[in-house]
Amino acid sequence: MRARTRELARRIQLLQDLATAERGAPYNYAEVKSALAEEGVHVSSGRWHYLINGEGALTTDNALLRGLARLFSVEPDFLLNWDDPELPERLLAQRELIQRIRQDKIQKFATRALGELTPESLRAITALIEAQSRGDFDRS
């Protein structure tokens, strides 16, 4: 059950990345709550947090998951059907941009976490991130 909770969170994060690629920012809680409320579906901030972070019990509320699918403009099966590993076509089309956005997030986090870095250090970190995203990074 825990694996399914994490898988649902992974899928929602992919949709948030797609929203970032398409509209410049992920949906925040207020936007999600408002969009779902228009359909008569309630989501608390705690539940939204659990959904996007893969914590707590698996959400099986079909109305909530269908509402999220409509918000992100994907087929509901992407959030409801665990046997289908297929990514929505829009996600496939934006995959490269989504990877770049994730790399940028990692680089910004590393910069904040490590403080002031030399340009050489930043280039080295960026090269490692890019190598890992291409699958060139040897973990042995």
Protein backbone atom coordinates (compact mmCIF):
# COMPACT_ATOMS: atom_id res chain seq x y z
CA MET A 1 0.00 0.00 0.00
CA ARG A 2 2.87 2.37 0.82
CA ALA A 3 4.32 1.89 -2.66
CA ARG A 4 1.01 2.94 -4.20
CA THR A 5 0.88 6.03 -2.00
CA ARG A 6 4.35 7.01 -3.21
CA GLU A 7 3.39 6.22 -6.82
CA LEU A 8 0.35 8.49 -6.60
CA ALA A 9 2.55 11.26 -5.18
CA ARG A 10 5.05 10.70 -8.01
CA ARG A 11 2.30 11.03 -10.60
CA ILE A 12 0.93 14.20 -9.00
CA GLN A 13 4.46 15.66 -8.87
CA LEU A 14 4.86 14.87 -12.58
CA LEU A 15 1.65 16.78 -13.21
CA GLN A 16 2.90 19.66 -11.06
CA ASP A 17 6.10 19.68 -13.15
CA LEU A 18 3.97 19.75 -16.29
CA ALA A 19 2.00 22.70 -14.88
CA THR A 20 5.30 24.46 -14.19
CA ALA A 21 6.42 23.84 -17.77
CA GLU A 22 3.14 25.05 -19.25
CA ARG A 23 2.11 27.92 -16.97
CA GLY A 24 5.33 28.84 -15.20
CA ALA A 25 4.37 27.55 -11.75
CA PRO A 26 2.84 24.50 -10.11
CA TYR A 27 -0.68 24.73 -8.73
CA ASN A 28 -0.66 25.89 -5.15
CA TYR A 29 -3.06 24.57 -2.53
CA ALA A 30 -5.48 27.50 -2.87
CA GLU A 31 -5.79 26.92 -6.63
CA VAL A 32 -6.31 23.17 -6.15
CA LYS A 33 -8.87 23.74 -3.41
CA SER A 34 -10.77 26.29 -5.51
CA ALA A 35 -10.81 24.13 -8.65
CA LEU A 36 -12.01 21.10 -6.72
CA ALA A 37 -14.61 23.11 -4.79
CA GLU A 38 -16.19 24.10 -8.11
CA GLU A 39 -16.86 20.40 -8.60
CA GLY A 40 -18.15 19.88 -5.08
CA VAL A 41 -14.98 18.12 -3.91
CA HIS A 42 -13.21 19.18 -0.72
CA VAL A 43 -9.51 18.75 -0.04
CA SER A 44 -7.91 19.97 3.16
CA SER A 45 -4.41 21.42 3.21
CA GLY A 46 -3.26 18.41 5.24
CA ARG A 47 -4.65 15.94 2.74
CA TRP A 48 -3.10 17.87 -0.16
CA HIS A 49 0.24 17.76 1.66
CA TYR A 50 -0.07 14.00 2.16
CA LEU A 51 -1.04 13.50 -1.48
CA ILE A 52 1.89 15.37 -2.96
CA ASN A 53 4.43 13.99 -0.51
CA GLY A 54 3.32 10.35 -0.53
CA GLU A 55 2.55 10.32 3.18
CA GLY A 56 -0.39 8.88 5.04
CA ALA A 57 -2.94 6.43 3.71
CA LEU A 58 -3.52 5.83 0.01
CA THR A 59 -6.18 8.15 -1.35
CA THR A 60 -8.91 6.12 -2.99
CA ASP A 61 -11.40 8.98 -3.25
CA ASN A 62 -12.33 8.71 -6.94
CA ALA A 63 -14.06 12.10 -6.98
CA LEU A 64 -10.91 13.77 -5.66
CA LEU A 65 -8.61 11.97 -8.10
CA ARG A 66 -10.94 12.64 -11.04
CA GLY A 67 -11.11 16.31 -10.04
CA LEU A 68 -7.31 16.50 -9.95
CA ALA A 69 -7.13 14.84 -13.35
CA ARG A 70 -9.50 17.48 -14.74
CA LEU A 71 -7.47 20.27 -13.16
CA PHE A 72 -4.31 18.95 -14.82
CA SER A 73 -6.16 18.10 -18.05
CA VAL A 74 -5.20 14.43 -18.13
CA GLU A 75 -7.26 11.27 -18.38
CA PRO A 76 -8.47 10.16 -14.93
CA ASP A 77 -6.86 6.74 -15.47
CA PHE A 78 -3.46 8.33 -14.94
CA LEU A 79 -4.37 8.82 -11.27
CA LEU A 80 -6.80 5.92 -10.91
CA ASN A 81 -5.28 3.01 -12.86
CA TRP A 82 -2.22 1.58 -11.13
CA ASP A 83 -1.69 -1.09 -13.77
CA ASP A 84 -1.06 1.45 -16.54
CA PRO A 85 2.50 2.83 -16.50
CA GLU A 86 1.83 5.00 -19.58
CA LEU A 87 2.52 8.69 -19.22
CA PRO A 88 0.01 11.13 -20.69
CA GLU A 89 1.02 12.39 -24.13
CA ARG A 90 1.45 15.95 -22.82
CA LEU A 91 3.96 14.69 -20.25
CA LEU A 92 5.88 12.76 -22.88
CA ALA A 93 6.00 15.83 -25.12
CA GLN A 94 7.29 18.03 -22.29
CA ARG A 95 9.68 15.44 -20.78
CA GLU A 96 12.88 17.28 -21.71
CA LEU A 97 11.62 20.61 -20.39
CA ILE A 98 10.42 18.93 -17.18
CA GLN A 99 13.86 17.37 -16.69
CA ARG A 100 15.49 20.77 -17.16
CA ILE A 101 13.11 22.32 -14.61
CA ARG A 102 13.99 19.57 -12.12
CA GLN A 103 17.70 20.09 -12.75
CA ASP A 104 17.30 23.81 -12.16
CA LYS A 105 15.45 23.11 -8.89
CA ILE A 106 18.26 20.81 -7.76
CA GLN A 107 20.92 23.33 -8.71
CA LYS A 108 19.12 26.15 -6.89
CA PHE A 109 18.69 23.94 -3.82
CA ALA A 110 22.36 22.96 -3.88
CA THR A 111 23.38 26.59 -4.20
CA ARG A 112 21.23 27.60 -1.21
CA ALA A 113 22.30 24.60 0.84
CA LEU A 114 26.00 24.96 0.13
CA GLY A 115 26.12 28.74 0.33
CA GLU A 116 28.45 30.71 -1.85
CA LEU A 117 30.10 28.45 -4.41
CA THR A 118 32.82 29.28 -6.83
CA PRO A 119 31.86 29.30 -10.49
CA GLU A 120 33.98 26.18 -10.95
CA SER A 121 32.07 24.36 -8.21
CA LEU A 122 28.72 25.36 -9.72
CA ARG A 123 29.85 24.11 -13.13
CA ALA A 124 31.01 20.82 -11.59
CA ILE A 125 27.67 20.33 -9.80
CA THR A 126 25.77 21.19 -12.98
CA ALA A 127 27.87 18.72 -14.99
CA LEU A 128 27.14 15.97 -12.46
CA ILE A 129 23.41 16.69 -12.54
CA GLU A 130 23.36 16.66 -16.34
CA ALA A 131 25.42 13.45 -16.49
CA GLN A 132 23.05 11.77 -14.05
CA SER A 133 19.97 12.84 -16.01
CA ARG A 134 21.50 11.36 -19.18
CA GLY A 135 22.28 8.15 -17.33
CA ASP A 136 26.04 8.69 -17.66
CA PHE A 137 26.63 8.77 -13.92
CA ASP A 138 28.27 5.62 -12.61
CA ARG A 139 27.13 4.94 -9.04
CA SER A 140 29.66 2.18 -8.34
